[in-house]
N, C-alpha and C. Protein backbone atom coordinates (compact mmCIF):
# COMPACT_ATOMS: atom_id res chain seq x y z
N UNK A 1 -50.13 9.96 10.29
CA UNK A 1 -49.07 9.94 9.29
C UNK A 1 -49.71 10.05 7.90
N UNK A 2 -49.10 10.88 7.09
CA UNK A 2 -49.61 11.12 5.74
C UNK A 2 -48.94 10.17 4.75
N UNK A 3 -49.69 9.78 3.74
CA UNK A 3 -49.11 9.01 2.64
C UNK A 3 -48.12 9.90 1.92
N UNK A 4 -47.10 9.31 1.36
CA UNK A 4 -46.07 10.08 0.66
C UNK A 4 -46.66 10.65 -0.62
N UNK A 5 -46.74 11.99 -0.73
CA UNK A 5 -47.28 12.59 -1.94
C UNK A 5 -46.31 12.47 -3.10
N UNK A 6 -46.84 12.50 -4.31
CA UNK A 6 -46.01 12.48 -5.52
C UNK A 6 -45.95 13.90 -6.05
N UNK A 7 -44.79 14.53 -5.86
CA UNK A 7 -44.60 15.91 -6.28
C UNK A 7 -43.78 15.94 -7.57
N UNK A 8 -43.66 17.12 -8.16
CA UNK A 8 -42.77 17.31 -9.31
C UNK A 8 -41.36 16.89 -8.88
N UNK A 9 -40.59 16.29 -9.79
CA UNK A 9 -39.28 15.74 -9.42
C UNK A 9 -38.37 16.66 -8.59
N UNK A 10 -38.23 17.96 -8.92
CA UNK A 10 -37.35 18.79 -8.09
C UNK A 10 -37.84 18.92 -6.64
N UNK A 11 -39.15 19.03 -6.45
CA UNK A 11 -39.69 19.13 -5.09
C UNK A 11 -39.66 17.78 -4.40
N UNK A 12 -39.87 16.72 -5.16
CA UNK A 12 -39.83 15.37 -4.59
C UNK A 12 -38.44 15.09 -4.01
N UNK A 13 -37.40 15.54 -4.70
CA UNK A 13 -36.04 15.33 -4.22
C UNK A 13 -35.81 16.06 -2.89
N UNK A 14 -36.31 17.28 -2.78
CA UNK A 14 -36.18 18.03 -1.53
C UNK A 14 -36.99 17.36 -0.42
N UNK A 15 -38.21 16.95 -0.75
CA UNK A 15 -39.05 16.26 0.22
C UNK A 15 -38.37 15.01 0.76
N UNK A 16 -37.84 14.19 -0.13
CA UNK A 16 -37.18 12.96 0.31
C UNK A 16 -35.95 13.25 1.16
N UNK A 17 -35.21 14.28 0.80
CA UNK A 17 -34.05 14.68 1.59
C UNK A 17 -34.47 15.10 2.99
N UNK A 18 -35.53 15.89 3.07
CA UNK A 18 -36.02 16.35 4.37
C UNK A 18 -36.52 15.18 5.23
N UNK A 19 -37.24 14.26 4.62
CA UNK A 19 -37.74 13.11 5.38
C UNK A 19 -36.58 12.25 5.88
N UNK A 20 -35.53 12.11 5.07
CA UNK A 20 -34.37 11.32 5.49
C UNK A 20 -33.60 12.01 6.62
N UNK A 21 -33.78 13.32 6.77
CA UNK A 21 -33.12 14.08 7.83
C UNK A 21 -33.99 14.19 9.08
N UNK A 22 -35.12 13.49 9.10
CA UNK A 22 -35.95 13.46 10.28
C UNK A 22 -37.14 14.41 10.30
N UNK A 23 -37.31 15.20 9.25
CA UNK A 23 -38.48 16.06 9.17
C UNK A 23 -39.69 15.18 8.86
N UNK A 24 -40.89 15.67 9.08
CA UNK A 24 -42.09 14.87 8.81
C UNK A 24 -43.14 15.74 8.13
N UNK A 25 -44.08 15.09 7.47
CA UNK A 25 -45.15 15.78 6.76
C UNK A 25 -46.24 16.16 7.76
N UNK A 26 -46.56 17.44 7.79
CA UNK A 26 -47.61 17.95 8.66
C UNK A 26 -48.96 17.91 7.94
N UNK A 27 -48.98 18.33 6.66
CA UNK A 27 -50.24 18.33 5.91
C UNK A 27 -49.98 18.21 4.42
N UNK A 28 -51.00 17.70 3.73
CA UNK A 28 -50.99 17.56 2.28
C UNK A 28 -52.34 18.05 1.78
N UNK A 29 -52.33 18.92 0.81
CA UNK A 29 -53.59 19.42 0.27
C UNK A 29 -53.34 20.29 -0.94
N UNK A 30 -54.23 21.25 -1.15
CA UNK A 30 -54.04 22.22 -2.22
C UNK A 30 -54.11 23.61 -1.61
N UNK A 31 -53.83 24.61 -2.39
CA UNK A 31 -53.88 26.00 -1.93
C UNK A 31 -54.45 26.83 -3.07
N UNK A 32 -55.78 26.86 -3.18
CA UNK A 32 -56.43 27.58 -4.28
C UNK A 32 -56.00 29.06 -4.32
N UNK A 33 -55.99 29.66 -5.47
CA UNK A 33 -56.56 29.17 -6.70
C UNK A 33 -55.58 28.43 -7.61
N UNK A 34 -54.27 28.55 -7.39
CA UNK A 34 -53.34 28.00 -8.38
C UNK A 34 -52.54 26.80 -7.92
N UNK A 35 -52.37 26.60 -6.63
CA UNK A 35 -51.52 25.52 -6.14
C UNK A 35 -52.31 24.22 -6.05
N UNK A 36 -51.95 23.28 -6.91
CA UNK A 36 -52.68 22.00 -6.94
C UNK A 36 -52.18 21.03 -5.89
N UNK A 37 -50.96 21.24 -5.37
CA UNK A 37 -50.41 20.37 -4.34
C UNK A 37 -49.54 21.18 -3.40
N UNK A 38 -49.94 21.22 -2.14
CA UNK A 38 -49.19 21.90 -1.09
C UNK A 38 -48.85 20.87 -0.03
N UNK A 39 -47.56 20.67 0.19
CA UNK A 39 -47.08 19.77 1.24
C UNK A 39 -46.36 20.63 2.27
N UNK A 40 -46.79 20.53 3.52
CA UNK A 40 -46.18 21.30 4.59
C UNK A 40 -45.45 20.35 5.53
N UNK A 41 -44.19 20.67 5.79
CA UNK A 41 -43.38 19.88 6.71
C UNK A 41 -43.54 20.43 8.12
N UNK A 42 -43.34 19.57 9.11
CA UNK A 42 -43.55 19.94 10.50
C UNK A 42 -42.51 20.93 11.01
N UNK A 43 -41.28 20.81 10.54
CA UNK A 43 -40.19 21.65 11.04
C UNK A 43 -39.51 22.40 9.90
N UNK A 44 -38.66 23.37 10.24
CA UNK A 44 -37.94 24.11 9.19
C UNK A 44 -37.10 23.18 8.32
N UNK A 45 -36.84 23.64 7.10
CA UNK A 45 -35.95 22.89 6.22
C UNK A 45 -34.62 22.69 6.93
N UNK A 46 -34.06 21.52 6.82
CA UNK A 46 -32.80 21.18 7.49
C UNK A 46 -31.59 21.78 6.79
N UNK A 47 -31.74 22.14 5.53
CA UNK A 47 -30.64 22.77 4.78
C UNK A 47 -31.24 23.60 3.66
N UNK A 48 -30.40 24.40 3.02
CA UNK A 48 -30.83 25.18 1.85
C UNK A 48 -30.48 24.36 0.62
N UNK A 49 -31.43 24.20 -0.25
CA UNK A 49 -31.26 23.37 -1.44
C UNK A 49 -31.02 24.23 -2.67
N UNK A 50 -30.17 23.74 -3.56
CA UNK A 50 -29.97 24.40 -4.84
C UNK A 50 -31.27 24.28 -5.64
N UNK A 51 -31.61 25.31 -6.36
CA UNK A 51 -32.85 25.28 -7.14
C UNK A 51 -32.54 25.20 -8.63
N UNK A 52 -33.50 24.71 -9.37
CA UNK A 52 -33.42 24.66 -10.83
C UNK A 52 -34.31 25.78 -11.37
N UNK A 53 -34.32 25.96 -12.68
CA UNK A 53 -35.05 27.08 -13.29
C UNK A 53 -36.52 27.12 -12.91
N UNK A 54 -37.16 25.99 -12.76
CA UNK A 54 -38.60 25.99 -12.49
C UNK A 54 -38.95 25.99 -11.00
N UNK A 55 -37.96 26.11 -10.14
CA UNK A 55 -38.19 26.12 -8.69
C UNK A 55 -37.61 27.39 -8.09
N UNK A 56 -38.40 28.04 -7.23
CA UNK A 56 -37.88 29.21 -6.52
C UNK A 56 -38.10 29.03 -5.02
N UNK A 57 -37.20 29.61 -4.26
CA UNK A 57 -37.26 29.54 -2.79
C UNK A 57 -37.76 30.89 -2.28
N UNK A 58 -38.60 30.87 -1.27
CA UNK A 58 -39.10 32.11 -0.70
C UNK A 58 -39.23 31.95 0.81
N UNK A 59 -38.86 33.00 1.53
CA UNK A 59 -39.07 33.05 2.97
C UNK A 59 -40.42 33.72 3.19
N UNK A 60 -41.35 33.02 3.80
CA UNK A 60 -42.68 33.55 4.07
C UNK A 60 -42.71 34.15 5.47
N UNK A 61 -42.19 33.42 6.43
CA UNK A 61 -42.03 33.86 7.82
C UNK A 61 -43.31 34.46 8.41
N UNK A 62 -44.43 33.80 8.16
CA UNK A 62 -45.71 34.23 8.70
C UNK A 62 -46.29 33.09 9.53
N UNK A 63 -46.41 33.26 10.84
CA UNK A 63 -46.89 32.16 11.69
C UNK A 63 -48.30 31.67 11.36
N UNK A 64 -49.06 32.46 10.62
CA UNK A 64 -50.38 32.00 10.19
C UNK A 64 -50.28 30.99 9.05
N UNK A 65 -49.14 30.98 8.37
CA UNK A 65 -48.94 30.10 7.23
C UNK A 65 -47.75 29.17 7.48
N UNK A 66 -46.56 29.58 7.07
CA UNK A 66 -45.36 28.75 7.25
C UNK A 66 -44.13 29.62 7.17
N UNK A 67 -42.97 28.97 7.44
CA UNK A 67 -41.71 29.71 7.52
C UNK A 67 -41.11 29.99 6.14
N UNK A 68 -41.03 28.98 5.30
CA UNK A 68 -40.41 29.13 3.98
C UNK A 68 -41.01 28.11 3.03
N UNK A 69 -40.71 28.29 1.74
CA UNK A 69 -41.27 27.37 0.75
C UNK A 69 -40.40 27.28 -0.49
N UNK A 70 -40.52 26.16 -1.14
CA UNK A 70 -39.98 25.96 -2.49
C UNK A 70 -41.19 25.85 -3.40
N UNK A 71 -41.27 26.74 -4.38
CA UNK A 71 -42.41 26.78 -5.31
C UNK A 71 -41.98 26.25 -6.67
N UNK A 72 -42.80 25.39 -7.21
CA UNK A 72 -42.56 24.81 -8.52
C UNK A 72 -43.46 25.49 -9.55
N UNK A 73 -42.86 25.97 -10.63
CA UNK A 73 -43.60 26.63 -11.72
C UNK A 73 -44.59 27.67 -11.21
N UNK A 74 -44.04 28.66 -10.52
CA UNK A 74 -44.82 29.80 -10.00
C UNK A 74 -45.93 29.40 -9.04
N UNK A 75 -45.70 28.33 -8.30
CA UNK A 75 -46.67 27.94 -7.28
C UNK A 75 -47.66 26.87 -7.68
N UNK A 76 -47.45 26.23 -8.82
CA UNK A 76 -48.31 25.12 -9.23
C UNK A 76 -48.27 24.02 -8.15
N UNK A 77 -47.07 23.78 -7.60
CA UNK A 77 -46.89 22.91 -6.45
C UNK A 77 -45.99 23.64 -5.47
N UNK A 78 -46.14 23.33 -4.19
CA UNK A 78 -45.37 24.03 -3.17
C UNK A 78 -45.00 23.08 -2.04
N UNK A 79 -43.74 23.13 -1.64
CA UNK A 79 -43.25 22.40 -0.47
C UNK A 79 -42.88 23.45 0.55
N UNK A 80 -43.63 23.49 1.65
CA UNK A 80 -43.45 24.49 2.68
C UNK A 80 -42.96 23.85 3.97
N UNK A 81 -42.40 24.67 4.86
CA UNK A 81 -41.94 24.14 6.14
C UNK A 81 -42.51 24.97 7.29
N UNK A 82 -42.73 24.31 8.39
CA UNK A 82 -43.21 24.98 9.60
C UNK A 82 -42.06 25.66 10.32
N UNK A 83 -42.36 26.15 11.51
CA UNK A 83 -41.37 26.90 12.30
C UNK A 83 -40.61 26.00 13.25
């Protein structure tokens, strides 16, 4: 079990929502060169979340990486989900 990471507030809200819906953290780390915090969830996002100006949603759909992600400030932080 991973310690609860401290993400930017918009991503933290999504993370907390996902954890309350039964999703779990698979990994916590960085993703060089620009992502200082990458949190990957074990399962797909349970719902689609509204985004704010500094957050964008992207479908990655690559089994080598993850299914989808919410990126904060062009990828400075990223909350991704597994398949």
